[in-house]
Amino acid sequence: MADIKAVSRYVKSLLNLAVEKGALEQVHQDMLAFDKVLSENRALITTLRSPIIKHYKKKNILEALFRGRFNELTLSFFRIITEKNREGLLPQIAKEFHHAYNEHQGIGRASVVTAVPIDNELREQILAVAKKVVGKTKVELKEEVDPSIIGGFILNAGSQQIDSSIKHKLRILQLNFSNNRQLNK
């Protein structure tokens, strides 16, 4: 619980400072890149969370990896976090920063699951529905392909889910048949 609060405070501080310094876009890109590096390199996450590795060594690792690639504000943030011995929170901070950025920019989130990859025309139609559901003019759409839904789509936007998949419709049909069979006995 304390970690969630600390992550939230650090994210809010970084976001506010980035806005104040006019570096929001660069810091956002840095945090997205950092999150990607972490997702592809479990050893770095393990290093950041390790109680055995000294904090100054972790700071040096982050400096060596990202100096010249990341905005100075992002690097300063990494230094502050490591000096406070909180570098184990950096993976969570990177993820949450993106959500805070979207909230700050008025960008809603939605996800869609389809049986096959969608084309641009269908993507635009799904985005239009998601924008109405979330009540935002911009929506970040996460796409997933799951052949087990057979056809149709499952859209999660805001607190709503629209399940228009063939798998869902078959499940409802099956329930209706089983209920009718029980009534006829």
N, C-alpha and C. Protein backbone atom coordinates (compact mmCIF):
# COMPACT_ATOMS: atom_id res chain seq x y z
N MET A 1 0.82 -1.19 0.00
CA MET A 1 0.00 0.00 0.00
C MET A 1 0.87 1.26 0.00
N ALA A 2 1.91 1.22 0.83
CA ALA A 2 2.80 2.38 0.90
C ALA A 2 3.51 2.59 -0.44
N ASP A 3 3.85 1.48 -1.11
CA ASP A 3 4.51 1.58 -2.41
C ASP A 3 3.60 2.24 -3.44
N ILE A 4 2.32 1.91 -3.42
CA ILE A 4 1.37 2.50 -4.37
C ILE A 4 1.28 4.00 -4.15
N LYS A 5 1.24 4.40 -2.90
CA LYS A 5 1.18 5.84 -2.59
C LYS A 5 2.47 6.53 -3.01
N ALA A 6 3.60 5.90 -2.75
CA ALA A 6 4.89 6.49 -3.12
C ALA A 6 4.99 6.61 -4.63
N VAL A 7 4.60 5.57 -5.36
CA VAL A 7 4.63 5.61 -6.82
C VAL A 7 3.77 6.76 -7.32
N SER A 8 2.58 6.88 -6.77
CA SER A 8 1.66 7.94 -7.18
C SER A 8 2.26 9.33 -6.93
N ARG A 9 2.88 9.50 -5.77
CA ARG A 9 3.50 10.79 -5.46
C ARG A 9 4.65 11.11 -6.41
N TYR A 10 5.50 10.11 -6.68
CA TYR A 10 6.63 10.32 -7.58
C TYR A 10 6.16 10.64 -9.00
N VAL A 11 5.15 9.91 -9.45
CA VAL A 11 4.61 10.14 -10.79
C VAL A 11 4.04 11.56 -10.89
N LYS A 12 3.26 11.95 -9.90
CA LYS A 12 2.66 13.28 -9.90
C LYS A 12 3.74 14.37 -9.89
N SER A 13 4.76 14.17 -9.08
CA SER A 13 5.85 15.14 -9.00
C SER A 13 6.58 15.26 -10.34
N LEU A 14 6.90 14.12 -10.94
CA LEU A 14 7.60 14.14 -12.23
C LEU A 14 6.74 14.78 -13.31
N LEU A 15 5.47 14.45 -13.33
CA LEU A 15 4.56 15.03 -14.32
C LEU A 15 4.48 16.55 -14.16
N ASN A 16 4.28 17.00 -12.94
CA ASN A 16 4.19 18.44 -12.70
C ASN A 16 5.49 19.16 -13.06
N LEU A 17 6.61 18.58 -12.71
CA LEU A 17 7.90 19.19 -13.02
C LEU A 17 8.14 19.21 -14.54
N ALA A 18 7.78 18.14 -15.21
CA ALA A 18 7.94 18.08 -16.67
C ALA A 18 7.08 19.14 -17.36
N VAL A 19 5.85 19.32 -16.87
CA VAL A 19 4.97 20.36 -17.43
C VAL A 19 5.59 21.73 -17.17
N GLU A 20 6.04 21.95 -15.95
CA GLU A 20 6.63 23.24 -15.57
C GLU A 20 7.86 23.56 -16.41
N LYS A 21 8.68 22.56 -16.71
CA LYS A 21 9.92 22.76 -17.47
C LYS A 21 9.71 22.69 -18.98
N GLY A 22 8.48 22.42 -19.41
CA GLY A 22 8.19 22.31 -20.84
C GLY A 22 8.80 21.08 -21.48
N ALA A 23 8.97 20.02 -20.70
CA ALA A 23 9.62 18.81 -21.20
C ALA A 23 8.70 17.59 -21.11
N LEU A 24 7.40 17.83 -21.06
CA LEU A 24 6.46 16.72 -20.84
C LEU A 24 6.58 15.65 -21.93
N GLU A 25 6.59 16.06 -23.18
CA GLU A 25 6.65 15.08 -24.27
C GLU A 25 7.93 14.26 -24.22
N GLN A 26 9.07 14.93 -23.97
CA GLN A 26 10.35 14.20 -23.92
C GLN A 26 10.37 13.22 -22.74
N VAL A 27 9.90 13.67 -21.58
CA VAL A 27 9.90 12.81 -20.41
C VAL A 27 8.94 11.63 -20.63
N HIS A 28 7.81 11.90 -21.25
CA HIS A 28 6.86 10.81 -21.55
C HIS A 28 7.51 9.78 -22.47
N GLN A 29 8.18 10.25 -23.51
CA GLN A 29 8.87 9.32 -24.43
C GLN A 29 9.97 8.55 -23.69
N ASP A 30 10.68 9.22 -22.79
CA ASP A 30 11.71 8.54 -22.00
C ASP A 30 11.11 7.43 -21.15
N MET A 31 10.00 7.74 -20.50
CA MET A 31 9.38 6.74 -19.62
C MET A 31 8.80 5.57 -20.42
N LEU A 32 8.28 5.85 -21.62
CA LEU A 32 7.82 4.76 -22.49
C LEU A 32 9.00 3.88 -22.90
N ALA A 33 10.11 4.52 -23.28
CA ALA A 33 11.30 3.76 -23.69
C ALA A 33 11.86 2.97 -22.51
N PHE A 34 11.88 3.58 -21.33
CA PHE A 34 12.37 2.90 -20.13
C PHE A 34 11.50 1.69 -19.81
N ASP A 35 10.19 1.84 -19.90
CA ASP A 35 9.27 0.73 -19.66
C ASP A 35 9.52 -0.40 -20.66
N LYS A 36 9.77 -0.04 -21.91
CA LYS A 36 10.05 -1.05 -22.96
C LYS A 36 11.35 -1.78 -22.65
N VAL A 37 12.38 -1.04 -22.26
CA VAL A 37 13.67 -1.66 -21.90
C VAL A 37 13.46 -2.63 -20.74
N LEU A 38 12.70 -2.22 -19.74
CA LEU A 38 12.44 -3.08 -18.59
C LEU A 38 11.67 -4.33 -18.98
N SER A 39 10.70 -4.18 -19.88
CA SER A 39 9.91 -5.35 -20.29
C SER A 39 10.73 -6.35 -21.09
N GLU A 40 11.79 -5.87 -21.72
CA GLU A 40 12.65 -6.75 -22.53
C GLU A 40 13.86 -7.24 -21.75
N ASN A 41 14.07 -6.73 -20.53
CA ASN A 41 15.28 -7.04 -19.79
C ASN A 41 14.97 -7.25 -18.31
N ARG A 42 14.59 -8.47 -17.97
CA ARG A 42 14.25 -8.79 -16.58
C ARG A 42 15.43 -8.59 -15.64
N ALA A 43 16.65 -8.74 -16.17
CA ALA A 43 17.84 -8.58 -15.34
C ALA A 43 17.94 -7.16 -14.79
N LEU A 44 17.53 -6.18 -15.58
CA LEU A 44 17.57 -4.80 -15.10
C LEU A 44 16.57 -4.58 -13.97
N ILE A 45 15.39 -5.15 -14.11
CA ILE A 45 14.39 -5.05 -13.02
C ILE A 45 14.93 -5.71 -11.76
N THR A 46 15.51 -6.89 -11.92
CA THR A 46 16.08 -7.61 -10.77
C THR A 46 17.18 -6.79 -10.12
N THR A 47 18.02 -6.16 -10.94
CA THR A 47 19.10 -5.31 -10.42
C THR A 47 18.53 -4.14 -9.62
N LEU A 48 17.52 -3.47 -10.18
CA LEU A 48 16.94 -2.31 -9.50
C LEU A 48 16.29 -2.70 -8.17
N ARG A 49 15.76 -3.89 -8.08
CA ARG A 49 15.06 -4.32 -6.87
C ARG A 49 15.97 -5.04 -5.87
N SER A 50 17.18 -5.34 -6.28
CA SER A 50 18.08 -6.12 -5.45
C SER A 50 18.54 -5.34 -4.21
N PRO A 51 18.39 -5.94 -3.02
CA PRO A 51 18.89 -5.27 -1.81
C PRO A 51 20.41 -5.45 -1.66
N ILE A 52 20.99 -6.33 -2.43
CA ILE A 52 22.43 -6.61 -2.32
C ILE A 52 23.26 -5.58 -3.08
N ILE A 53 22.76 -5.14 -4.23
CA ILE A 53 23.49 -4.18 -5.05
C ILE A 53 23.34 -2.79 -4.45
N LYS A 54 24.47 -2.13 -4.27
CA LYS A 54 24.48 -0.79 -3.66
C LYS A 54 23.75 0.21 -4.55
N HIS A 55 23.13 1.20 -3.91
CA HIS A 55 22.33 2.19 -4.62
C HIS A 55 23.15 3.02 -5.59
N TYR A 56 24.38 3.36 -5.20
CA TYR A 56 25.20 4.16 -6.11
C TYR A 56 25.55 3.37 -7.37
N LYS A 57 25.66 2.03 -7.26
CA LYS A 57 25.93 1.21 -8.44
C LYS A 57 24.72 1.19 -9.37
N LYS A 58 23.53 1.15 -8.78
CA LYS A 58 22.31 1.19 -9.58
C LYS A 58 22.20 2.53 -10.31
N LYS A 59 22.55 3.60 -9.60
CA LYS A 59 22.53 4.93 -10.21
C LYS A 59 23.51 4.98 -11.38
N ASN A 60 24.70 4.41 -11.19
CA ASN A 60 25.71 4.39 -12.25
C ASN A 60 25.24 3.57 -13.46
N ILE A 61 24.54 2.47 -13.19
CA ILE A 61 24.01 1.63 -14.28
C ILE A 61 22.99 2.42 -15.10
N LEU A 62 22.08 3.09 -14.40
CA LEU A 62 21.06 3.89 -15.09
C LEU A 62 21.71 5.02 -15.90
N GLU A 63 22.71 5.67 -15.31
CA GLU A 63 23.43 6.74 -16.02
C GLU A 63 24.10 6.20 -17.28
N ALA A 64 24.78 5.07 -17.13
CA ALA A 64 25.50 4.49 -18.27
C ALA A 64 24.55 4.08 -19.40
N LEU A 65 23.40 3.55 -19.02
CA LEU A 65 22.44 3.09 -20.03
C LEU A 65 21.72 4.23 -20.75
N PHE A 66 21.39 5.30 -20.02
CA PHE A 66 20.48 6.29 -20.58
C PHE A 66 21.05 7.70 -20.78
N ARG A 67 22.27 7.96 -20.32
CA ARG A 67 22.87 9.29 -20.55
C ARG A 67 23.03 9.51 -22.04
N GLY A 68 22.60 10.67 -22.50
CA GLY A 68 22.67 10.99 -23.92
C GLY A 68 21.46 10.52 -24.71
N ARG A 69 20.68 9.65 -24.11
CA ARG A 69 19.47 9.14 -24.78
C ARG A 69 18.21 9.75 -24.18
N PHE A 70 18.25 10.04 -22.87
CA PHE A 70 17.09 10.55 -22.17
C PHE A 70 17.28 12.02 -21.82
N ASN A 71 16.17 12.69 -21.65
CA ASN A 71 16.17 14.09 -21.23
C ASN A 71 16.86 14.22 -19.87
N GLU A 72 17.52 15.32 -19.64
CA GLU A 72 18.24 15.54 -18.38
C GLU A 72 17.28 15.50 -17.18
N LEU A 73 16.05 15.95 -17.36
CA LEU A 73 15.07 15.89 -16.28
C LEU A 73 14.80 14.45 -15.86
N THR A 74 14.66 13.57 -16.84
CA THR A 74 14.43 12.15 -16.55
C THR A 74 15.62 11.57 -15.80
N LEU A 75 16.82 11.88 -16.26
CA LEU A 75 18.03 11.38 -15.59
C LEU A 75 18.14 11.92 -14.17
N SER A 76 17.80 13.18 -13.98
CA SER A 76 17.82 13.77 -12.63
C SER A 76 16.82 13.06 -11.73
N PHE A 77 15.66 12.73 -12.29
CA PHE A 77 14.64 12.00 -11.54
C PHE A 77 15.18 10.63 -11.11
N PHE A 78 15.84 9.93 -12.04
CA PHE A 78 16.43 8.63 -11.71
C PHE A 78 17.45 8.78 -10.58
N ARG A 79 18.27 9.84 -10.63
CA ARG A 79 19.27 10.06 -9.58
C ARG A 79 18.60 10.29 -8.22
N ILE A 80 17.57 11.11 -8.20
CA ILE A 80 16.87 11.40 -6.95
C ILE A 80 16.26 10.12 -6.37
N ILE A 81 15.62 9.33 -7.23
CA ILE A 81 14.98 8.09 -6.77
C ILE A 81 16.03 7.14 -6.19
N THR A 82 17.18 7.01 -6.86
CA THR A 82 18.20 6.10 -6.34
C THR A 82 18.83 6.64 -5.06
N GLU A 83 18.99 7.95 -4.96
CA GLU A 83 19.54 8.53 -3.73
C GLU A 83 18.60 8.32 -2.55
N LYS A 84 17.31 8.21 -2.82
CA LYS A 84 16.33 7.96 -1.77
C LYS A 84 16.11 6.45 -1.55
N ASN A 85 16.93 5.65 -2.21
CA ASN A 85 16.86 4.19 -2.09
C ASN A 85 15.49 3.63 -2.51
N ARG A 86 14.89 4.24 -3.54
CA ARG A 86 13.56 3.82 -4.00
C ARG A 86 13.59 3.33 -5.45
N GLU A 87 14.77 2.96 -5.95
CA GLU A 87 14.89 2.56 -7.35
C GLU A 87 14.07 1.32 -7.70
N GLY A 88 13.71 0.54 -6.71
CA GLY A 88 12.85 -0.62 -6.94
C GLY A 88 11.46 -0.22 -7.43
N LEU A 89 11.09 1.04 -7.22
CA LEU A 89 9.78 1.54 -7.66
C LEU A 89 9.79 2.01 -9.12
N LEU A 90 10.97 2.15 -9.70
CA LEU A 90 11.06 2.72 -11.05
C LEU A 90 10.22 1.97 -12.10
N PRO A 91 10.18 0.62 -12.09
CA PRO A 91 9.32 -0.05 -13.08
C PRO A 91 7.85 0.36 -12.96
N GLN A 92 7.34 0.46 -11.73
CA GLN A 92 5.95 0.88 -11.53
C GLN A 92 5.76 2.34 -11.92
N ILE A 93 6.73 3.16 -11.59
CA ILE A 93 6.65 4.59 -11.91
C ILE A 93 6.57 4.77 -13.42
N ALA A 94 7.38 4.03 -14.16
CA ALA A 94 7.38 4.14 -15.63
C ALA A 94 6.01 3.81 -16.20
N LYS A 95 5.40 2.72 -15.70
CA LYS A 95 4.06 2.34 -16.18
C LYS A 95 3.02 3.39 -15.81
N GLU A 96 3.03 3.81 -14.57
CA GLU A 96 2.02 4.76 -14.10
C GLU A 96 2.18 6.14 -14.72
N PHE A 97 3.40 6.50 -15.10
CA PHE A 97 3.60 7.80 -15.70
C PHE A 97 2.81 7.91 -17.00
N HIS A 98 2.78 6.84 -17.77
CA HIS A 98 2.02 6.86 -19.03
C HIS A 98 0.53 7.09 -18.76
N HIS A 99 -0.01 6.45 -17.74
CA HIS A 99 -1.42 6.64 -17.40
C HIS A 99 -1.68 8.08 -16.94
N ALA A 100 -0.76 8.61 -16.14
CA ALA A 100 -0.91 9.99 -15.67
C ALA A 100 -0.79 10.97 -16.84
N TYR A 101 0.09 10.69 -17.77
CA TYR A 101 0.25 11.52 -18.96
C TYR A 101 -1.06 11.55 -19.75
N ASN A 102 -1.63 10.35 -19.98
CA ASN A 102 -2.90 10.27 -20.72
C ASN A 102 -3.99 11.06 -20.01
N GLU A 103 -4.06 10.94 -18.71
CA GLU A 103 -5.07 11.67 -17.93
C GLU A 103 -4.85 13.18 -18.08
N HIS A 104 -3.63 13.60 -17.97
CA HIS A 104 -3.28 15.02 -18.09
C HIS A 104 -3.63 15.56 -19.48
N GLN A 105 -3.43 14.75 -20.49
CA GLN A 105 -3.68 15.16 -21.88
C GLN A 105 -5.14 14.94 -22.30
N GLY A 106 -5.96 14.36 -21.42
CA GLY A 106 -7.36 14.10 -21.75
C GLY A 106 -7.54 12.94 -22.72
N ILE A 107 -6.64 11.97 -22.63
CA ILE A 107 -6.70 10.80 -23.52
C ILE A 107 -7.30 9.64 -22.75
N GLY A 108 -8.38 9.08 -23.29
CA GLY A 108 -9.01 7.93 -22.67
C GLY A 108 -8.32 6.65 -23.09
N ARG A 109 -8.64 5.57 -22.40
CA ARG A 109 -8.05 4.27 -22.73
C ARG A 109 -9.15 3.29 -23.08
N ALA A 110 -8.85 2.45 -24.06
CA ALA A 110 -9.77 1.40 -24.44
C ALA A 110 -8.95 0.23 -24.97
N SER A 111 -9.53 -0.95 -24.91
CA SER A 111 -8.88 -2.12 -25.49
C SER A 111 -9.91 -2.91 -26.27
N VAL A 112 -9.44 -3.52 -27.34
CA VAL A 112 -10.34 -4.32 -28.17
C VAL A 112 -9.68 -5.67 -28.44
N VAL A 113 -10.49 -6.71 -28.34
CA VAL A 113 -10.03 -8.06 -28.64
C VAL A 113 -10.82 -8.52 -29.86
N THR A 114 -10.11 -8.98 -30.88
CA THR A 114 -10.74 -9.48 -32.09
C THR A 114 -10.15 -10.84 -32.43
N ALA A 115 -10.85 -11.59 -33.28
CA ALA A 115 -10.37 -12.91 -33.68
C ALA A 115 -9.24 -12.80 -34.70
N VAL A 116 -9.25 -11.73 -35.48
CA VAL A 116 -8.21 -11.49 -36.49
C VAL A 116 -7.78 -10.02 -36.38
N PRO A 117 -6.59 -9.70 -36.89
CA PRO A 117 -6.18 -8.29 -36.85
C PRO A 117 -7.18 -7.40 -37.60
N ILE A 118 -7.37 -6.18 -37.09
CA ILE A 118 -8.35 -5.28 -37.70
C ILE A 118 -7.66 -4.33 -38.68
N ASP A 119 -8.44 -3.89 -39.66
CA ASP A 119 -7.91 -2.93 -40.63
C ASP A 119 -8.19 -1.51 -40.14
N ASN A 120 -7.67 -0.53 -40.86
CA ASN A 120 -7.80 0.87 -40.44
C ASN A 120 -9.24 1.34 -40.37
N GLU A 121 -10.07 0.92 -41.32
CA GLU A 121 -11.47 1.35 -41.35
C GLU A 121 -12.21 0.87 -40.11
N LEU A 122 -12.03 -0.41 -39.76
CA LEU A 122 -12.68 -0.96 -38.58
C LEU A 122 -12.10 -0.33 -37.31
N ARG A 123 -10.80 -0.08 -37.30
CA ARG A 123 -10.16 0.57 -36.15
C ARG A 123 -10.81 1.93 -35.90
N GLU A 124 -11.04 2.70 -36.94
CA GLU A 124 -11.66 4.02 -36.79
C GLU A 124 -13.09 3.91 -36.25
N GLN A 125 -13.83 2.90 -36.70
CA GLN A 125 -15.19 2.69 -36.20
C GLN A 125 -15.17 2.33 -34.70
N ILE A 126 -14.24 1.47 -34.33
CA ILE A 126 -14.12 1.06 -32.93
C ILE A 126 -13.69 2.26 -32.08
N LEU A 127 -12.76 3.06 -32.60
CA LEU A 127 -12.32 4.26 -31.87
C LEU A 127 -13.48 5.23 -31.67
N ALA A 128 -14.34 5.37 -32.67
CA ALA A 128 -15.50 6.27 -32.55
C ALA A 128 -16.43 5.81 -31.43
N VAL A 129 -16.66 4.51 -31.35
CA VAL A 129 -17.51 3.96 -30.28
C VAL A 129 -16.82 4.18 -28.92
N ALA A 130 -15.53 3.90 -28.86
CA ALA A 130 -14.78 4.04 -27.61
C ALA A 130 -14.79 5.50 -27.13
N LYS A 131 -14.66 6.45 -28.06
CA LYS A 131 -14.68 7.87 -27.69
C LYS A 131 -16.01 8.26 -27.06
N LYS A 132 -17.10 7.73 -27.61
CA LYS A 132 -18.42 8.02 -27.05
C LYS A 132 -18.56 7.41 -25.66
N VAL A 133 -18.09 6.18 -25.51
CA VAL A 133 -18.23 5.49 -24.22
C VAL A 133 -17.41 6.18 -23.14
N VAL A 134 -16.17 6.57 -23.48
CA VAL A 134 -15.29 7.18 -22.47
C VAL A 134 -15.56 8.67 -22.32
N GLY A 135 -16.18 9.27 -23.31
CA GLY A 135 -16.46 10.70 -23.23
C GLY A 135 -15.23 11.56 -23.45
N LYS A 136 -14.29 11.09 -24.25
CA LYS A 136 -13.06 11.83 -24.54
C LYS A 136 -12.93 11.99 -26.06
N THR A 137 -12.22 13.03 -26.47
CA THR A 137 -12.02 13.24 -27.91
C THR A 137 -10.84 12.42 -28.44
N LYS A 138 -9.96 11.99 -27.53
CA LYS A 138 -8.83 11.14 -27.92
C LYS A 138 -8.88 9.87 -27.10
N VAL A 139 -8.60 8.75 -27.77
CA VAL A 139 -8.59 7.47 -27.08
C VAL A 139 -7.38 6.68 -27.56
N GLU A 140 -6.66 6.12 -26.62
CA GLU A 140 -5.55 5.22 -26.92
C GLU A 140 -6.13 3.81 -26.95
N LEU A 141 -6.02 3.16 -28.09
CA LEU A 141 -6.63 1.85 -28.27
C LEU A 141 -5.57 0.75 -28.25
N LYS A 142 -5.72 -0.17 -27.32
CA LYS A 142 -4.84 -1.33 -27.25
C LYS A 142 -5.56 -2.47 -27.97
N GLU A 143 -4.87 -3.06 -28.93
CA GLU A 143 -5.47 -4.13 -29.72
C GLU A 143 -4.88 -5.48 -29.36
N GLU A 144 -5.74 -6.49 -29.30
CA GLU A 144 -5.30 -7.85 -29.01
C GLU A 144 -6.03 -8.80 -29.95
N VAL A 145 -5.33 -9.80 -30.42
CA VAL A 145 -5.94 -10.82 -31.28
C VAL A 145 -6.07 -12.10 -30.47
N ASP A 146 -7.29 -12.65 -30.43
CA ASP A 146 -7.57 -13.90 -29.72
C ASP A 146 -8.51 -14.73 -30.58
N PRO A 147 -7.97 -15.69 -31.34
CA PRO A 147 -8.81 -16.50 -32.24
C PRO A 147 -9.92 -17.27 -31.52
N SER A 148 -9.80 -17.48 -30.21
CA SER A 148 -10.81 -18.26 -29.48
C SER A 148 -12.16 -17.55 -29.41
N ILE A 149 -12.23 -16.24 -29.70
CA ILE A 149 -13.54 -15.57 -29.67
C ILE A 149 -14.30 -15.80 -30.97
N ILE A 150 -13.69 -16.47 -31.92
CA ILE A 150 -14.26 -16.92 -33.19
C ILE A 150 -14.52 -15.77 -34.17
N GLY A 151 -15.18 -14.74 -33.74
CA GLY A 151 -15.48 -13.59 -34.58
C GLY A 151 -16.04 -12.47 -33.72
N GLY A 152 -16.29 -11.32 -34.32
CA GLY A 152 -16.80 -10.19 -33.57
C GLY A 152 -15.69 -9.51 -32.79
N PHE A 153 -16.05 -8.87 -31.67
CA PHE A 153 -15.05 -8.16 -30.87
C PHE A 153 -15.52 -8.03 -29.43
N ILE A 154 -14.56 -7.73 -28.56
CA ILE A 154 -14.84 -7.39 -27.17
C ILE A 154 -14.15 -6.05 -26.94
N LEU A 155 -14.94 -5.03 -26.64
CA LEU A 155 -14.41 -3.69 -26.42
C LEU A 155 -14.54 -3.33 -24.94
N ASN A 156 -13.43 -2.95 -24.34
CA ASN A 156 -13.41 -2.44 -22.97
C ASN A 156 -13.05 -0.97 -23.04
N ALA A 157 -13.96 -0.12 -22.63
CA ALA A 157 -13.73 1.33 -22.65
C ALA A 157 -14.33 1.92 -21.38
N GLY A 158 -13.50 2.65 -20.65
CA GLY A 158 -13.97 3.17 -19.38
C GLY A 158 -14.35 2.01 -18.47
N SER A 159 -15.50 2.07 -17.89
CA SER A 159 -15.94 0.99 -17.00
C SER A 159 -16.91 0.05 -17.71
N GLN A 160 -17.03 0.18 -19.02
CA GLN A 160 -17.98 -0.64 -19.77
C GLN A 160 -17.27 -1.68 -20.63
N GLN A 161 -17.97 -2.79 -20.83
CA GLN A 161 -17.49 -3.81 -21.74
C GLN A 161 -18.61 -4.13 -22.73
N ILE A 162 -18.26 -4.09 -24.00
CA ILE A 162 -19.20 -4.46 -25.06
C ILE A 162 -18.68 -5.76 -25.66
N ASP A 163 -19.38 -6.86 -25.37
CA ASP A 163 -18.94 -8.17 -25.86
C ASP A 163 -19.84 -8.58 -27.01
N SER A 164 -19.34 -8.39 -28.20
CA SER A 164 -20.07 -8.73 -29.40
C SER A 164 -19.37 -9.88 -30.12
N SER A 165 -18.78 -10.76 -29.34
CA SER A 165 -18.04 -11.88 -29.92
C SER A 165 -18.98 -13.05 -30.20
N ILE A 166 -18.61 -13.85 -31.17
CA ILE A 166 -19.38 -15.06 -31.51
C ILE A 166 -19.34 -16.03 -30.33
N LYS A 167 -18.20 -16.12 -29.67
CA LYS A 167 -18.07 -17.01 -28.51
C LYS A 167 -19.09 -16.65 -27.44
N HIS A 168 -19.27 -15.35 -27.17
CA HIS A 168 -20.24 -14.88 -26.18
C HIS A 168 -21.67 -15.21 -26.62
N LYS A 169 -21.96 -14.98 -27.88
CA LYS A 169 -23.31 -15.26 -28.39
C LYS A 169 -23.62 -16.75 -28.34
N LEU A 170 -22.63 -17.59 -28.63
CA LEU A 170 -22.83 -19.04 -28.54
C LEU A 170 -23.06 -19.47 -27.09
N ARG A 171 -22.36 -18.84 -26.16
CA ARG A 171 -22.53 -19.16 -24.74
C ARG A 171 -23.95 -18.81 -24.29
N ILE A 172 -24.46 -17.65 -24.73
CA ILE A 172 -25.83 -17.25 -24.39
C ILE A 172 -26.83 -18.23 -24.99
N LEU A 173 -26.62 -18.60 -26.24
CA LEU A 173 -27.49 -19.56 -26.92
C LEU A 173 -27.49 -20.90 -26.18
N GLN A 174 -26.33 -21.35 -25.75
CA GLN A 174 -26.21 -22.59 -25.00
C GLN A 174 -26.98 -22.51 -23.68
N LEU A 175 -26.86 -21.40 -22.99
CA LEU A 175 -27.60 -21.22 -21.74
C LEU A 175 -29.10 -21.23 -21.97
N ASN A 176 -29.54 -20.57 -23.04
CA ASN A 176 -30.97 -20.55 -23.36
C ASN A 176 -31.49 -21.95 -23.66
N PHE A 177 -30.73 -22.73 -24.41
CA PHE A 177 -31.14 -24.11 -24.73
C PHE A 177 -31.19 -24.96 -23.47
N SER A 178 -30.18 -24.82 -22.60
CA SER A 178 -30.19 -25.63 -21.38
C SER A 178 -31.34 -25.23 -20.45
N ASN A 179 -31.68 -23.94 -20.41
CA ASN A 179 -32.82 -23.49 -19.59
C ASN A 179 -34.13 -24.00 -20.16
N ASN A 180 -34.30 -24.01 -21.49
CA ASN A 180 -35.51 -24.50 -22.12
C ASN A 180 -35.66 -26.00 -21.91
N ARG A 181 -34.56 -26.74 -21.96
CA ARG A 181 -34.61 -28.18 -21.76
C ARG A 181 -35.06 -28.50 -20.33
N GLN A 182 -34.63 -27.73 -19.38
CA GLN A 182 -35.01 -27.95 -17.99
C GLN A 182 -36.49 -27.64 -17.77
N LEU A 183 -37.03 -26.67 -18.48
CA LEU A 183 -38.44 -26.33 -18.35
C LEU A 183 -39.33 -27.38 -18.97
N ASN A 184 -38.88 -28.07 -20.02
CA ASN A 184 -39.68 -29.06 -20.71
C ASN A 184 -39.69 -30.41 -20.01
N LYS A 185 -38.89 -30.61 -19.00
CA LYS A 185 -38.83 -31.91 -18.31
C LYS A 185 -39.94 -32.06 -17.33
